Structures are given as structure tokens and as C-alpha cells.
């Protein structure tokens, strides 16, 4: 009786016929911001002809 109940709970696993396709649409955007210190800003403003 114990053997009959154990045989009834059998599980079968099958691989799919078609391959699994995973599409990843990743958009990576990188922004770099430069901030000038107040000294550099003053230097640029006073020497506009150089820059």
C-alpha cells in the first residue's frame, strides 16, 4: 500500500520545443557635468580674450 501511494506522485519535466528568447532593451545614458569653482569663473570672465 505504501508503494502504491509513492508511485502516484511522480513528476515529469520536459524541455520546451522552441528555445527561450529573452530580449533586453537597455538604454544607458551617461551625463558628466563640470562645475567651475568661483575662482576659475572669475578668471575666465576677466580674461575673455584668452578663452
N, C-alpha and C. Protein backbone atom coordinates (compact mmCIF):
# COMPACT_ATOMS: atom_id res chain seq x y z
N UNK A 1 0.82 -1.19 0.00
CA UNK A 1 0.00 0.00 0.00
C UNK A 1 0.87 1.26 0.00
N UNK A 2 1.96 1.23 0.76
CA UNK A 2 2.86 2.38 0.80
C UNK A 2 3.49 2.61 -0.57
N UNK A 3 3.87 1.59 -1.26
CA UNK A 3 4.49 1.70 -2.58
C UNK A 3 3.54 2.27 -3.61
N UNK A 4 2.25 1.99 -3.52
CA UNK A 4 1.27 2.48 -4.48
C UNK A 4 1.07 3.99 -4.32
N UNK A 5 1.11 4.50 -3.11
CA UNK A 5 0.93 5.94 -2.92
C UNK A 5 2.17 6.71 -3.35
N UNK A 6 3.34 6.15 -3.22
CA UNK A 6 4.56 6.84 -3.63
C UNK A 6 4.67 6.90 -5.15
N UNK A 7 4.23 5.90 -5.86
CA UNK A 7 4.30 5.87 -7.32
C UNK A 7 3.31 6.86 -7.94
N UNK A 8 2.26 7.20 -7.28
CA UNK A 8 1.25 8.11 -7.81
C UNK A 8 1.71 9.55 -7.85
N UNK A 9 2.72 9.93 -7.11
CA UNK A 9 3.17 11.31 -7.05
C UNK A 9 4.37 11.57 -7.94
N UNK A 10 4.52 10.90 -9.05
CA UNK A 10 5.65 11.06 -9.95
C UNK A 10 5.49 12.35 -10.78
N UNK A 11 6.56 13.10 -10.95
CA UNK A 11 6.54 14.36 -11.70
C UNK A 11 7.51 14.22 -12.88
N UNK A 12 7.07 14.63 -14.06
CA UNK A 12 7.96 14.60 -15.22
C UNK A 12 8.21 16.04 -15.69
N UNK A 13 9.45 16.33 -16.05
CA UNK A 13 9.83 17.65 -16.52
C UNK A 13 10.37 17.51 -17.93
N UNK A 14 9.85 18.34 -18.85
CA UNK A 14 10.29 18.29 -20.24
C UNK A 14 10.78 19.67 -20.67
N UNK A 15 11.80 19.68 -21.50
CA UNK A 15 12.31 20.93 -22.06
C UNK A 15 11.35 21.42 -23.14
N UNK A 16 11.22 22.75 -23.30
CA UNK A 16 10.33 23.26 -24.36
C UNK A 16 10.89 22.95 -25.74
N UNK A 17 9.99 22.86 -26.73
CA UNK A 17 10.42 22.55 -28.10
C UNK A 17 11.15 23.72 -28.73
N UNK A 18 10.69 24.94 -28.46
CA UNK A 18 11.34 26.12 -29.01
C UNK A 18 12.29 26.70 -27.96
N UNK A 19 13.39 27.35 -28.41
CA UNK A 19 14.31 27.95 -27.44
C UNK A 19 13.67 29.15 -26.74
N UNK A 20 14.10 29.39 -25.55
CA UNK A 20 13.62 30.53 -24.78
C UNK A 20 14.39 31.77 -25.23
N UNK A 21 13.66 32.84 -25.60
CA UNK A 21 14.28 34.07 -26.09
C UNK A 21 14.01 35.16 -25.06
N UNK A 22 15.07 35.81 -24.63
CA UNK A 22 14.95 36.93 -23.69
C UNK A 22 15.47 38.17 -24.39
N UNK A 23 14.60 39.16 -24.56
CA UNK A 23 15.00 40.40 -25.21
C UNK A 23 15.23 41.47 -24.15
N UNK A 24 16.40 42.05 -24.18
CA UNK A 24 16.75 43.10 -23.24
C UNK A 24 16.99 44.39 -24.00
N UNK A 25 16.18 45.37 -23.77
CA UNK A 25 16.37 46.69 -24.36
C UNK A 25 16.85 47.61 -23.26
N UNK A 26 18.14 47.83 -23.24
CA UNK A 26 18.74 48.63 -22.18
C UNK A 26 19.30 49.91 -22.79
N UNK A 27 18.92 51.03 -22.23
CA UNK A 27 19.41 52.32 -22.69
C UNK A 27 20.21 52.93 -21.56
N UNK A 28 21.49 53.08 -21.77
CA UNK A 28 22.36 53.66 -20.75
C UNK A 28 22.77 55.05 -21.21
N UNK A 29 22.47 56.02 -20.39
CA UNK A 29 22.80 57.40 -20.72
C UNK A 29 23.69 57.94 -19.62
N UNK A 30 24.82 58.45 -20.00
CA UNK A 30 25.77 58.96 -19.03
C UNK A 30 25.94 60.45 -19.26
N UNK A 31 25.77 61.19 -18.21
CA UNK A 31 25.96 62.63 -18.29
C UNK A 31 27.06 63.03 -17.32
N UNK A 32 27.95 63.84 -17.82
CA UNK A 32 29.04 64.34 -16.99
C UNK A 32 28.91 65.85 -16.92
N UNK A 33 28.86 66.35 -15.73
CA UNK A 33 28.71 67.80 -15.55
C UNK A 33 29.95 68.33 -14.85
N UNK A 34 30.45 69.39 -15.38
CA UNK A 34 31.62 70.04 -14.79
C UNK A 34 31.17 71.35 -14.15
N UNK A 35 31.59 71.57 -12.95
CA UNK A 35 31.28 72.83 -12.27
C UNK A 35 32.59 73.56 -12.01
N UNK A 36 32.61 74.80 -12.42
CA UNK A 36 33.80 75.61 -12.21
C UNK A 36 33.74 76.26 -10.83
N UNK A 37 34.86 76.30 -10.19
CA UNK A 37 34.89 76.99 -8.91
C UNK A 37 34.77 78.49 -9.15
N UNK A 38 34.47 79.22 -8.12
CA UNK A 38 34.27 80.66 -8.29
C UNK A 38 35.55 81.35 -8.76
N UNK A 39 36.71 80.85 -8.35
CA UNK A 39 37.97 81.44 -8.81
C UNK A 39 38.16 81.25 -10.32
N UNK A 40 37.85 80.07 -10.80
CA UNK A 40 38.00 79.81 -12.23
C UNK A 40 37.01 80.65 -13.03
N UNK A 41 35.81 80.79 -12.53
CA UNK A 41 34.80 81.60 -13.21
C UNK A 41 35.25 83.05 -13.30
N UNK A 42 35.80 83.56 -12.22
CA UNK A 42 36.28 84.95 -12.22
C UNK A 42 37.44 85.11 -13.19
N UNK A 43 38.34 84.14 -13.24
CA UNK A 43 39.48 84.20 -14.16
C UNK A 43 39.01 84.21 -15.61
N UNK A 44 38.04 83.38 -15.93
CA UNK A 44 37.52 83.34 -17.29
C UNK A 44 36.83 84.65 -17.66
N UNK A 45 36.07 85.21 -16.72
CA UNK A 45 35.37 86.46 -17.01
C UNK A 45 36.34 87.62 -17.21
N UNK A 46 37.43 87.65 -16.47
CA UNK A 46 38.38 88.75 -16.61
C UNK A 46 39.29 88.59 -17.82
N UNK A 47 39.44 87.38 -18.31
CA UNK A 47 40.32 87.11 -19.46
C UNK A 47 39.54 86.49 -20.62
N UNK A 48 38.46 87.13 -21.02
CA UNK A 48 37.60 86.57 -22.08
C UNK A 48 38.36 86.42 -23.42
N UNK A 49 39.32 87.28 -23.69
CA UNK A 49 40.04 87.20 -24.95
C UNK A 49 40.94 85.96 -25.01
N UNK A 50 41.35 85.43 -23.87
CA UNK A 50 42.19 84.22 -23.85
C UNK A 50 41.34 82.98 -24.10
N UNK A 51 40.13 82.98 -23.55
CA UNK A 51 39.27 81.82 -23.66
C UNK A 51 38.31 82.03 -24.80
